[in-house]
PDB file of all heavy atoms in Angstrom:
ATOM      1  N   ALA A   1     188.370 267.001 135.138  1.00  0.00           N
ATOM      2  CA  ALA A   1     187.628 268.301 135.370  1.00  0.00           C
ATOM      3  C   ALA A   1     186.189 268.139 134.993  1.00  0.00           C
ATOM      4  O   ALA A   1     185.250 268.705 135.711  1.00  0.00           O
ATOM      5  CB  ALA A   1     188.264 269.384 134.508  1.00  0.00           C
ATOM      6  N   LEU A   2     185.832 267.355 133.982  1.00  0.00           N
ATOM      7  CA  LEU A   2     184.411 267.107 133.685  1.00  0.00           C
ATOM      8  C   LEU A   2     183.703 266.327 134.784  1.00  0.00           C
ATOM      9  O   LEU A   2     182.552 266.568 135.060  1.00  0.00           O
ATOM     10  CB  LEU A   2     184.319 266.313 132.317  1.00  0.00           C
ATOM     11  CG  LEU A   2     184.739 267.112 131.096  1.00  0.00           C
ATOM     12  CD1 LEU A   2     184.649 266.114 129.865  1.00  0.00           C
ATOM     13  CD2 LEU A   2     183.738 268.262 130.829  1.00  0.00           C
ATOM     14  N   VAL A   3     184.439 265.350 135.336  1.00  0.00           N
ATOM     15  CA  VAL A   3     183.878 264.551 136.445  1.00  0.00           C
ATOM     16  C   VAL A   3     183.535 265.530 137.680  1.00  0.00           C
ATOM     17  O   VAL A   3     182.567 265.489 138.243  1.00  0.00           O
ATOM     18  CB  VAL A   3     184.839 263.427 136.880  1.00  0.00           C
ATOM     19  CG1 VAL A   3     184.412 262.859 138.234  1.00  0.00           C
ATOM     20  CG2 VAL A   3     184.971 262.444 135.783  1.00  0.00           C
ATOM     21  N   ILE A   4     184.523 266.447 137.950  1.00  0.00           N
ATOM     22  CA  ILE A   4     184.370 267.321 139.093  1.00  0.00           C
ATOM     23  C   ILE A   4     183.146 268.196 138.832  1.00  0.00           C
ATOM     24  O   ILE A   4     182.442 268.489 139.902  1.00  0.00           O
ATOM     25  CB  ILE A   4     185.650 268.140 139.310  1.00  0.00           C
ATOM     26  CG1 ILE A   4     186.750 267.242 139.868  1.00  0.00           C
ATOM     27  CG2 ILE A   4     185.469 269.401 140.190  1.00  0.00           C
ATOM     28  CD1 ILE A   4     188.107 267.838 139.948  1.00  0.00           C
ATOM     29  N   GLY A   5     182.920 268.577 137.672  1.00  0.00           N
ATOM     30  CA  GLY A   5     181.806 269.369 137.394  1.00  0.00           C
ATOM     31  C   GLY A   5     180.445 268.753 137.759  1.00  0.00           C
ATOM     32  O   GLY A   5     179.522 269.365 138.101  1.00  0.00           O
ATOM     33  N   LEU A   6     180.477 267.400 137.733  1.00  0.00           N
ATOM     34  CA  LEU A   6     179.312 266.671 138.066  1.00  0.00           C
ATOM     35  C   LEU A   6     179.006 266.338 139.536  1.00  0.00           C
ATOM     36  O   LEU A   6     177.969 266.207 139.986  1.00  0.00           O
ATOM     37  CB  LEU A   6     179.243 265.360 137.225  1.00  0.00           C
ATOM     38  CG  LEU A   6     179.205 265.332 135.766  1.00  0.00           C
ATOM     39  CD1 LEU A   6     179.397 263.968 135.187  1.00  0.00           C
ATOM     40  CD2 LEU A   6     177.922 265.894 135.312  1.00  0.00           C
ATOM     41  N   ILE A   7     180.176 266.351 140.206  1.00  0.00           N
ATOM     42  CA  ILE A   7     180.065 265.885 141.708  1.00  0.00           C
ATOM     43  C   ILE A   7     180.400 266.974 142.787  1.00  0.00           C
ATOM     44  O   ILE A   7     180.164 266.786 143.917  1.00  0.00           O
ATOM     45  CB  ILE A   7     180.935 264.679 141.927  1.00  0.00           C
ATOM     46  CG1 ILE A   7     182.397 264.911 141.602  1.00  0.00           C
ATOM     47  CG2 ILE A   7     180.388 263.449 141.146  1.00  0.00           C
ATOM     48  CD1 ILE A   7     183.319 265.263 142.649  1.00  0.00           C
ATOM     49  N   LYS A   8     180.889 268.093 142.318  1.00  0.00           N
ATOM     50  CA  LYS A   8     181.498 269.060 143.332  1.00  0.00           C
ATOM     51  C   LYS A   8     180.416 269.737 144.188  1.00  0.00           C
ATOM     52  O   LYS A   8     180.705 270.186 145.299  1.00  0.00           O
ATOM     53  CB  LYS A   8     182.382 270.086 142.736  1.00  0.00           C
ATOM     54  CG  LYS A   8     181.733 271.189 141.917  1.00  0.00           C
ATOM     55  CD  LYS A   8     182.791 272.236 141.538  1.00  0.00           C
ATOM     56  CE  LYS A   8     182.239 273.468 140.794  1.00  0.00           C
ATOM     57  NZ  LYS A   8     183.197 274.406 140.394  1.00  0.00           N
ATOM     58  N   GLU A   9     179.164 269.702 143.666  1.00  0.00           N
ATOM     59  CA  GLU A   9     178.138 270.361 144.444  1.00  0.00           C
ATOM     60  C   GLU A   9     177.799 269.600 145.740  1.00  0.00           C
ATOM     61  O   GLU A   9     177.240 270.170 146.701  1.00  0.00           O
ATOM     62  CB  GLU A   9     176.812 270.492 143.607  1.00  0.00           C
ATOM     63  CG  GLU A   9     176.151 269.162 143.307  1.00  0.00           C
ATOM     64  CD  GLU A   9     174.883 269.391 142.514  1.00  0.00           C
ATOM     65  OE1 GLU A   9     174.761 270.185 141.654  1.00  0.00           O
ATOM     66  OE2 GLU A   9     173.983 268.594 142.721  1.00  0.00           O
ATOM     67  N   ARG A  10     178.267 268.364 145.849  1.00  0.00           N
ATOM     68  CA  ARG A  10     178.121 267.584 147.077  1.00  0.00           C
ATOM     69  C   ARG A  10     179.435 267.534 147.892  1.00  0.00           C
ATOM     70  O   ARG A  10     179.475 266.895 148.863  1.00  0.00           O
ATOM     71  CB  ARG A  10     177.779 266.158 146.701  1.00  0.00           C
ATOM     72  CG  ARG A  10     176.292 266.092 146.227  1.00  0.00           C
ATOM     73  CD  ARG A  10     175.930 264.637 145.820  1.00  0.00           C
ATOM     74  NE  ARG A  10     176.565 264.144 144.601  1.00  0.00           N
ATOM     75  CZ  ARG A  10     176.049 264.531 143.334  1.00  0.00           C
ATOM     76  NH1 ARG A  10     175.029 265.294 143.167  1.00  0.00           N
ATOM     77  NH2 ARG A  10     176.724 264.132 142.246  1.00  0.00           N
ATOM     78  N   ALA A  11     180.411 268.293 147.425  1.00  0.00           N
ATOM     79  CA  ALA A  11     181.754 268.276 148.158  1.00  0.00           C
ATOM     80  C   ALA A  11     181.969 269.582 148.925  1.00  0.00           C
ATOM     81  O   ALA A  11     181.550 270.577 148.577  1.00  0.00           O
ATOM     82  CB  ALA A  11     182.819 268.064 147.073  1.00  0.00           C
ATOM     83  N   THR A  12     182.717 269.301 150.117  1.00  0.00           N
ATOM     84  CA  THR A  12     183.243 270.476 150.840  1.00  0.00           C
ATOM     85  C   THR A  12     184.628 270.658 150.720  1.00  0.00           C
ATOM     86  O   THR A  12     185.121 271.774 150.696  1.00  0.00           O
ATOM     87  CB  THR A  12     182.835 270.264 152.344  1.00  0.00           C
ATOM     88  OG1 THR A  12     181.422 270.144 152.414  1.00  0.00           O
ATOM     89  CG2 THR A  12     183.231 271.387 153.225  1.00  0.00           C
ATOM     90  N   PHE A  13     185.363 269.506 150.540  1.00  0.00           N
ATOM     91  CA  PHE A  13     186.777 269.552 150.352  1.00  0.00           C
ATOM     92  C   PHE A  13     187.190 268.713 149.127  1.00  0.00           C
ATOM     93  O   PHE A  13     186.447 267.832 148.731  1.00  0.00           O
ATOM     94  CB  PHE A  13     187.501 268.946 151.593  1.00  0.00           C
ATOM     95  CG  PHE A  13     187.155 269.597 152.925  1.00  0.00           C
ATOM     96  CD1 PHE A  13     186.276 268.942 153.738  1.00  0.00           C
ATOM     97  CD2 PHE A  13     187.609 270.875 153.245  1.00  0.00           C
ATOM     98  CE1 PHE A  13     185.938 269.580 154.963  1.00  0.00           C
ATOM     99  CE2 PHE A  13     187.273 271.554 154.423  1.00  0.00           C
ATOM    100  CZ  PHE A  13     186.436 270.784 155.353  1.00  0.00           C
ATOM    101  N   ILE A  14     188.396 269.029 148.603  1.00  0.00           N
ATOM    102  CA  ILE A  14     188.916 268.202 147.502  1.00  0.00           C
ATOM    103  C   ILE A  14     189.067 266.771 147.957  1.00  0.00           C
ATOM    104  O   ILE A  14     188.904 265.855 147.125  1.00  0.00           O
ATOM    105  CB  ILE A  14     190.243 268.816 146.992  1.00  0.00           C
ATOM    106  CG1 ILE A  14     189.965 270.173 146.365  1.00  0.00           C
ATOM    107  CG2 ILE A  14     190.920 267.868 146.032  1.00  0.00           C
ATOM    108  CD1 ILE A  14     191.250 270.913 146.027  1.00  0.00           C
ATOM    109  N   SER A  15     189.325 266.607 149.208  1.00  0.00           N
ATOM    110  CA  SER A  15     189.485 265.209 149.725  1.00  0.00           C
ATOM    111  C   SER A  15     188.165 264.435 149.689  1.00  0.00           C
ATOM    112  O   SER A  15     188.177 263.217 149.805  1.00  0.00           O
ATOM    113  CB  SER A  15     189.999 265.241 151.136  1.00  0.00           C
ATOM    114  OG  SER A  15     189.234 265.966 152.045  1.00  0.00           O
ATOM    115  N   ASP A  16     187.059 265.109 149.452  1.00  0.00           N
ATOM    116  CA  ASP A  16     185.752 264.374 149.312  1.00  0.00           C
ATOM    117  C   ASP A  16     185.568 263.813 147.942  1.00  0.00           C
ATOM    118  O   ASP A  16     184.724 262.936 147.727  1.00  0.00           O
ATOM    119  CB  ASP A  16     184.614 265.413 149.558  1.00  0.00           C
ATOM    120  CG  ASP A  16     184.586 265.912 150.992  1.00  0.00           C
ATOM    121  OD1 ASP A  16     185.102 265.272 151.857  1.00  0.00           O
ATOM    122  OD2 ASP A  16     184.019 267.076 151.121  1.00  0.00           O
ATOM    123  N   PHE A  17     186.394 264.289 146.951  1.00  0.00           N
ATOM    124  CA  PHE A  17     186.119 263.948 145.514  1.00  0.00           C
ATOM    125  C   PHE A  17     186.201 262.466 145.261  1.00  0.00           C
ATOM    126  O   PHE A  17     185.348 261.898 144.529  1.00  0.00           O
ATOM    127  CB  PHE A  17     187.099 264.663 144.629  1.00  0.00           C
ATOM    128  CG  PHE A  17     186.825 266.148 144.459  1.00  0.00           C
ATOM    129  CD1 PHE A  17     187.817 266.908 143.828  1.00  0.00           C
ATOM    130  CD2 PHE A  17     185.712 266.738 144.869  1.00  0.00           C
ATOM    131  CE1 PHE A  17     187.562 268.302 143.627  1.00  0.00           C
ATOM    132  CE2 PHE A  17     185.445 268.070 144.744  1.00  0.00           C
ATOM    133  CZ  PHE A  17     186.402 268.813 144.145  1.00  0.00           C
ATOM    134  N   TRP A  18     187.134 261.757 145.903  1.00  0.00           N
ATOM    135  CA  TRP A  18     187.367 260.342 145.548  1.00  0.00           C
ATOM    136  C   TRP A  18     186.214 259.512 145.833  1.00  0.00           C
ATOM    137  O   TRP A  18     185.654 258.621 145.041  1.00  0.00           O
ATOM    138  CB  TRP A  18     188.592 259.763 146.120  1.00  0.00           C
ATOM    139  CG  TRP A  18     188.887 258.354 145.759  1.00  0.00           C
ATOM    140  CD1 TRP A  18     188.675 257.277 146.502  1.00  0.00           C
ATOM    141  CD2 TRP A  18     189.220 257.958 144.433  1.00  0.00           C
ATOM    142  NE1 TRP A  18     189.043 256.067 145.765  1.00  0.00           N
ATOM    143  CE2 TRP A  18     189.352 256.499 144.504  1.00  0.00           C
ATOM    144  CE3 TRP A  18     189.561 258.523 143.252  1.00  0.00           C
ATOM    145  CZ2 TRP A  18     189.746 255.671 143.402  1.00  0.00           C
ATOM    146  CZ3 TRP A  18     189.933 257.790 142.150  1.00  0.00           C
ATOM    147  CH2 TRP A  18     189.994 256.371 142.190  1.00  0.00           C
ATOM    148  N   GLU A  19     185.595 259.683 147.095  1.00  0.00           N
ATOM    149  CA  GLU A  19     184.408 258.949 147.468  1.00  0.00           C
ATOM    150  C   GLU A  19     183.259 259.259 146.675  1.00  0.00           C
ATOM    151  O   GLU A  19     182.376 258.362 146.365  1.00  0.00           O
ATOM    152  CB  GLU A  19     184.116 259.261 148.957  1.00  0.00           C
ATOM    153  CG  GLU A  19     182.932 258.444 149.451  1.00  0.00           C
ATOM    154  CD  GLU A  19     182.687 258.711 150.909  1.00  0.00           C
ATOM    155  OE1 GLU A  19     183.386 259.412 151.590  1.00  0.00           O
ATOM    156  OE2 GLU A  19     181.555 258.253 151.385  1.00  0.00           O
ATOM    157  N   LEU A  20     183.188 260.503 146.205  1.00  0.00           N
ATOM    158  CA  LEU A  20     182.002 260.958 145.252  1.00  0.00           C
ATOM    159  C   LEU A  20     182.135 260.506 143.875  1.00  0.00           C
ATOM    160  O   LEU A  20     181.151 260.578 143.134  1.00  0.00           O
ATOM    161  CB  LEU A  20     181.865 262.442 145.359  1.00  0.00           C
ATOM    162  CG  LEU A  20     181.451 263.031 146.741  1.00  0.00           C
ATOM    163  CD1 LEU A  20     181.557 264.529 146.715  1.00  0.00           C
ATOM    164  CD2 LEU A  20     179.974 262.617 146.995  1.00  0.00           C
ATOM    165  N   SER A  21     183.395 260.147 143.397  1.00  0.00           N
ATOM    166  CA  SER A  21     183.599 260.072 142.000  1.00  0.00           C
ATOM    167  C   SER A  21     184.480 258.830 141.599  1.00  0.00           C
ATOM    168  O   SER A  21     184.717 258.636 140.322  1.00  0.00           O
ATOM    169  CB  SER A  21     184.332 261.308 141.391  1.00  0.00           C
ATOM    170  OG  SER A  21     185.634 261.331 141.907  1.00  0.00           O
ATOM    171  N   SER A  22     184.830 257.933 142.473  1.00  0.00           N
ATOM    172  CA  SER A  22     185.793 256.922 142.114  1.00  0.00           C
ATOM    173  C   SER A  22     185.245 256.012 140.962  1.00  0.00           C
ATOM    174  O   SER A  22     185.926 255.507 140.147  1.00  0.00           O
ATOM    175  CB  SER A  22     186.089 255.978 143.354  1.00  0.00           C
ATOM    176  OG  SER A  22     184.887 255.410 143.866  1.00  0.00           O
ATOM    177  N   PHE A  23     183.940 255.767 140.882  1.00  0.00           N
ATOM    178  CA  PHE A  23     183.235 254.976 139.880  1.00  0.00           C
ATOM    179  C   PHE A  23     183.447 255.540 138.405  1.00  0.00           C
ATOM    180  O   PHE A  23     183.213 254.833 137.431  1.00  0.00           O
ATOM    181  CB  PHE A  23     181.826 254.722 140.228  1.00  0.00           C
ATOM    182  CG  PHE A  23     181.068 256.023 140.529  1.00  0.00           C
ATOM    183  CD1 PHE A  23     180.495 256.778 139.494  1.00  0.00           C
ATOM    184  CD2 PHE A  23     180.875 256.379 141.840  1.00  0.00           C
ATOM    185  CE1 PHE A  23     179.823 257.957 139.851  1.00  0.00           C
ATOM    186  CE2 PHE A  23     180.202 257.590 142.170  1.00  0.00           C
ATOM    187  CZ  PHE A  23     179.646 258.322 141.094  1.00  0.00           C
ATOM    188  N   PHE A  24     183.822 256.806 138.327  1.00  0.00           N
ATOM    189  CA  PHE A  24     184.102 257.386 136.943  1.00  0.00           C
ATOM    190  C   PHE A  24     185.434 256.966 136.485  1.00  0.00           C
ATOM    191  O   PHE A  24     185.740 257.027 135.316  1.00  0.00           O
ATOM    192  CB  PHE A  24     184.153 258.903 137.076  1.00  0.00           C
ATOM    193  CG  PHE A  24     182.769 259.553 137.082  1.00  0.00           C
ATOM    194  CD1 PHE A  24     182.181 260.115 138.257  1.00  0.00           C
ATOM    195  CD2 PHE A  24     182.074 259.659 135.922  1.00  0.00           C
ATOM    196  CE1 PHE A  24     180.986 260.739 138.233  1.00  0.00           C
ATOM    197  CE2 PHE A  24     180.797 260.297 135.922  1.00  0.00           C
ATOM    198  CZ  PHE A  24     180.305 260.792 137.083  1.00  0.00           C
ATOM    199  N   PHE A  25     186.272 256.380 137.390  1.00  0.00           N
ATOM    200  CA  PHE A  25     187.650 256.086 137.048  1.00  0.00           C
ATOM    201  C   PHE A  25     187.860 254.520 137.075  1.00  0.00           C
ATOM    202  O   PHE A  25     188.863 254.020 136.454  1.00  0.00           O
ATOM    203  CB  PHE A  25     188.635 256.760 137.958  1.00  0.00           C
ATOM    204  CG  PHE A  25     188.401 258.257 137.985  1.00  0.00           C
ATOM    205  CD1 PHE A  25     187.868 258.792 139.174  1.00  0.00           C
ATOM    206  CD2 PHE A  25     188.729 259.026 136.950  1.00  0.00           C
ATOM    207  CE1 PHE A  25     187.632 260.170 139.179  1.00  0.00           C
ATOM    208  CE2 PHE A  25     188.510 260.480 136.970  1.00  0.00           C
ATOM    209  CZ  PHE A  25     187.927 260.987 138.105  1.00  0.00           C
ATOM    210  N   LYS A  26     187.175 253.819 137.791  1.00  0.00           N
ATOM    211  CA  LYS A  26     187.188 252.344 137.866  1.00  0.00           C
ATOM    212  C   LYS A  26     185.899 251.758 138.195  1.00  0.00           C
ATOM    213  O   LYS A  26     185.103 252.352 138.979  1.00  0.00           O
ATOM    214  CB  LYS A  26     188.368 251.958 138.903  1.00  0.00           C
ATOM    215  CG  LYS A  26     188.019 252.311 140.278  1.00  0.00           C
ATOM    216  CD  LYS A  26     189.165 251.771 141.155  1.00  0.00           C
ATOM    217  CE  LYS A  26     188.751 251.920 142.674  1.00  0.00           C
ATOM    218  NZ  LYS A  26     189.759 251.359 143.544  1.00  0.00           N
ATOM    219  N   ALA A  27     185.686 250.483 137.763  1.00  0.00           N
ATOM    220  CA  ALA A  27     184.423 249.845 137.977  1.00  0.00           C
ATOM    221  C   ALA A  27     184.277 249.490 139.457  1.00  0.00           C
ATOM    222  O   ALA A  27     185.301 249.171 140.107  1.00  0.00           O
ATOM    223  CB  ALA A  27     184.344 248.560 137.142  1.00  0.00           C
ATOM    224  N   PRO A  28     183.047 249.550 140.005  1.00  0.00           N
ATOM    225  CA  PRO A  28     182.960 249.130 141.429  1.00  0.00           C
ATOM    226  C   PRO A  28     183.373 247.663 141.650  1.00  0.00           C
ATOM    227  O   PRO A  28     183.049 246.806 140.806  1.00  0.00           O
ATOM    228  CB  PRO A  28     181.425 249.354 141.725  1.00  0.00           C
ATOM    229  CG  PRO A  28     180.778 249.365 140.373  1.00  0.00           C
ATOM    230  CD  PRO A  28     181.825 249.910 139.442  1.00  0.00           C
ATOM    231  N   GLU A  29     184.069 247.440 142.745  1.00  0.00           N
ATOM    232  CA  GLU A  29     184.529 246.045 142.921  1.00  0.00           C
ATOM    233  C   GLU A  29     183.472 245.192 143.616  1.00  0.00           C
ATOM    234  O   GLU A  29     183.440 243.949 143.512  1.00  0.00           O
ATOM    235  CB  GLU A  29     185.746 246.152 143.815  1.00  0.00           C
ATOM    236  CG  GLU A  29     186.959 246.705 143.110  1.00  0.00           C
ATOM    237  CD  GLU A  29     188.181 246.891 144.008  1.00  0.00           C
ATOM    238  OE1 GLU A  29     188.130 246.372 145.208  1.00  0.00           O
ATOM    239  OE2 GLU A  29     189.144 247.420 143.537  1.00  0.00           O
ATOM    240  N   ASN A  30     182.553 245.846 144.324  1.00  0.00           N
ATOM    241  CA  ASN A  30     181.442 245.061 144.926  1.00  0.00           C
ATOM    242  C   ASN A  30     180.178 246.035 145.056  1.00  0.00           C
ATOM    243  O   ASN A  30     180.309 247.238 144.699  1.00  0.00           O
ATOM    244  CB  ASN A  30     181.824 244.540 146.291  1.00  0.00           C
ATOM    245  CG  ASN A  30     182.506 245.623 147.170  1.00  0.00           C
ATOM    246  OD1 ASN A  30     181.904 246.689 147.317  1.00  0.00           O
ATOM    247  ND2 ASN A  30     183.683 245.316 147.628  1.00  0.00           N
ATOM    248  N   PHE A  31     179.059 245.400 145.330  1.00  0.00           N
ATOM    249  CA  PHE A  31     177.841 246.244 145.332  1.00  0.00           C
ATOM    250  C   PHE A  31     177.285 246.307 146.829  1.00  0.00           C
ATOM    251  O   PHE A  31     177.243 245.212 147.520  1.00  0.00           O
ATOM    252  CB  PHE A  31     176.802 245.526 144.443  1.00  0.00           C
ATOM    253  CG  PHE A  31     177.365 245.251 143.050  1.00  0.00           C
ATOM    254  CD1 PHE A  31     177.444 243.910 142.593  1.00  0.00           C
ATOM    255  CD2 PHE A  31     177.672 246.299 142.304  1.00  0.00           C
ATOM    256  CE1 PHE A  31     177.969 243.697 141.273  1.00  0.00           C
ATOM    257  CE2 PHE A  31     178.185 246.137 140.955  1.00  0.00           C
ATOM    258  CZ  PHE A  31     178.278 244.810 140.542  1.00  0.00           C
ATOM    259  N   GLU A  32     176.966 247.477 147.251  1.00  0.00           N
ATOM    260  CA  GLU A  32     176.560 247.692 148.620  1.00  0.00           C
ATOM    261  C   GLU A  32     175.322 246.835 148.888  1.00  0.00           C
ATOM    262  O   GLU A  32     174.330 246.749 148.145  1.00  0.00           O
ATOM    263  CB  GLU A  32     176.232 249.214 148.769  1.00  0.00           C
ATOM    264  CG  GLU A  32     176.254 249.718 150.209  1.00  0.00           C
ATOM    265  CD  GLU A  32     175.040 249.413 150.964  1.00  0.00           C
ATOM    266  OE1 GLU A  32     173.953 249.431 150.441  1.00  0.00           O
ATOM    267  OE2 GLU A  32     175.186 249.002 152.193  1.00  0.00           O
ATOM    268  N   ALA A  33     175.376 246.090 150.010  1.00  0.00           N
ATOM    269  CA  ALA A  33     174.432 244.991 150.282  1.00  0.00           C
ATOM    270  C   ALA A  33     172.977 245.623 150.520  1.00  0.00           C
ATOM    271  O   ALA A  33     172.026 245.060 149.905  1.00  0.00           O
ATOM    272  CB  ALA A  33     174.883 244.285 151.577  1.00  0.00           C
ATOM    273  N   LYS A  34     172.849 246.634 151.293  1.00  0.00           N
ATOM    274  CA  LYS A  34     171.505 247.158 151.512  1.00  0.00           C
ATOM    275  C   LYS A  34     170.860 247.701 150.284  1.00  0.00           C
ATOM    276  O   LYS A  34     169.637 247.517 150.005  1.00  0.00           O
ATOM    277  CB  LYS A  34     171.577 248.317 152.585  1.00  0.00           C
ATOM    278  CG  LYS A  34     170.211 248.763 153.063  1.00  0.00           C
ATOM    279  CD  LYS A  34     170.446 249.785 154.274  1.00  0.00           C
ATOM    280  CE  LYS A  34     169.081 250.169 154.783  1.00  0.00           C
ATOM    281  NZ  LYS A  34     169.289 251.212 155.920  1.00  0.00           N
ATOM    282  N   ALA A  35     171.611 248.432 149.468  1.00  0.00           N
ATOM    283  CA  ALA A  35     171.153 248.962 148.227  1.00  0.00           C
ATOM    284  C   ALA A  35     170.759 247.827 147.212  1.00  0.00           C
ATOM    285  O   ALA A  35     169.776 247.851 146.533  1.00  0.00           O
ATOM    286  CB  ALA A  35     172.102 249.870 147.555  1.00  0.00           C
ATOM    287  N   SER A  36     171.585 246.823 147.160  1.00  0.00           N
ATOM    288  CA  SER A  36     171.358 245.642 146.263  1.00  0.00           C
ATOM    289  C   SER A  36     170.073 244.895 146.731  1.00  0.00           C
ATOM    290  O   SER A  36     169.268 244.556 145.816  1.00  0.00           O
ATOM    291  CB  SER A  36     172.539 244.636 146.402  1.00  0.00           C
ATOM    292  OG  SER A  36     173.711 245.259 145.964  1.00  0.00           O
ATOM    293  N   LYS A  37     169.885 244.722 147.943  1.00  0.00           N
ATOM    294  CA  LYS A  37     168.611 244.099 148.416  1.00  0.00           C
ATOM    295  C   LYS A  37     167.344 244.898 147.975  1.00  0.00           C
ATOM    296  O   LYS A  37     166.329 244.309 147.584  1.00  0.00           O
ATOM    297  CB  LYS A  37     168.659 243.921 149.940  1.00  0.00           C
ATOM    298  CG  LYS A  37     167.514 243.130 150.509  1.00  0.00           C
ATOM    299  CD  LYS A  37     167.658 242.978 152.032  1.00  0.00           C
ATOM    300  CE  LYS A  37     166.530 242.123 152.582  1.00  0.00           C
ATOM    301  NZ  LYS A  37     166.676 241.973 154.090  1.00  0.00           N
ATOM    302  N   LYS A  38     167.530 246.190 148.029  1.00  0.00           N
ATOM    303  CA  LYS A  38     166.347 247.015 147.646  1.00  0.00           C
ATOM    304  C   LYS A  38     166.155 247.037 146.124  1.00  0.00           C
ATOM    305  O   LYS A  38     164.978 247.110 145.666  1.00  0.00           O
ATOM    306  CB  LYS A  38     166.730 248.469 148.089  1.00  0.00           C
ATOM    307  CG  LYS A  38     165.581 249.466 147.725  1.00  0.00           C
ATOM    308  CD  LYS A  38     165.910 250.876 148.348  1.00  0.00           C
ATOM    309  CE  LYS A  38     164.816 251.846 148.001  1.00  0.00           C
ATOM    310  NZ  LYS A  38     165.166 253.213 148.458  1.00  0.00           N
ATOM    311  N   ALA A  39     167.223 246.978 145.341  1.00  0.00           N
ATOM    312  CA  ALA A  39     167.180 247.115 143.875  1.00  0.00           C
ATOM    313  C   ALA A  39     166.973 245.780 143.065  1.00  0.00           C
ATOM    314  O   ALA A  39     166.343 245.789 141.994  1.00  0.00           O
ATOM    315  CB  ALA A  39     168.398 247.845 143.398  1.00  0.00           C
ATOM    316  N   PHE A  40     167.597 244.779 143.560  1.00  0.00           N
ATOM    317  CA  PHE A  40     167.618 243.524 142.833  1.00  0.00           C
ATOM    318  C   PHE A  40     166.395 242.681 143.136  1.00  0.00           C
ATOM    319  O   PHE A  40     166.154 242.240 144.338  1.00  0.00           O
ATOM    320  CB  PHE A  40     168.837 242.749 143.151  1.00  0.00           C
ATOM    321  CG  PHE A  40     170.228 243.357 142.638  1.00  0.00           C
ATOM    322  CD1 PHE A  40     171.349 242.997 143.225  1.00  0.00           C
ATOM    323  CD2 PHE A  40     170.169 244.384 141.689  1.00  0.00           C
ATOM    324  CE1 PHE A  40     172.597 243.677 142.788  1.00  0.00           C
ATOM    325  CE2 PHE A  40     171.312 245.033 141.266  1.00  0.00           C
ATOM    326  CZ  PHE A  40     172.494 244.573 141.895  1.00  0.00           C
ATOM    327  N   LYS A  41     165.553 242.402 142.085  1.00  0.00           N
ATOM    328  CA  LYS A  41     164.351 241.542 142.178  1.00  0.00           C
ATOM    329  C   LYS A  41     164.501 240.362 141.277  1.00  0.00           C
ATOM    330  O   LYS A  41     165.456 240.152 140.594  1.00  0.00           O
ATOM    331  CB  LYS A  41     163.125 242.371 141.845  1.00  0.00           C
ATOM    332  CG  LYS A  41     163.032 243.752 142.603  1.00  0.00           C
ATOM    333  CD  LYS A  41     162.826 243.513 144.051  1.00  0.00           C
ATOM    334  CE  LYS A  41     162.761 244.845 144.830  1.00  0.00           C
ATOM    335  NZ  LYS A  41     162.756 244.675 146.303  1.00  0.00           N
ATOM    336  N   ASP A  42     163.456 239.551 141.273  1.00  0.00           N
ATOM    337  CA  ASP A  42     163.495 238.285 140.445  1.00  0.00           C
ATOM    338  C   ASP A  42     163.611 238.565 139.004  1.00  0.00           C
ATOM    339  O   ASP A  42     164.258 237.798 138.279  1.00  0.00           O
ATOM    340  CB  ASP A  42     162.198 237.507 140.713  1.00  0.00           C
ATOM    341  CG  ASP A  42     162.171 236.924 142.186  1.00  0.00           C
ATOM    342  OD1 ASP A  42     163.128 236.848 142.805  1.00  0.00           O
ATOM    343  OD2 ASP A  42     160.971 236.617 142.604  1.00  0.00           O
TER     344      ASP A  42
END
């Protein structure tokens, strides 16, 4: 319920919750390539 309070403003359906919040329940298995290229520097 606390997690939902943080993410529901971006949701239209309950089925949207997992994509918006999965990282609250388990660590990401990989890092998005485009975002990583932008964020990771020397």
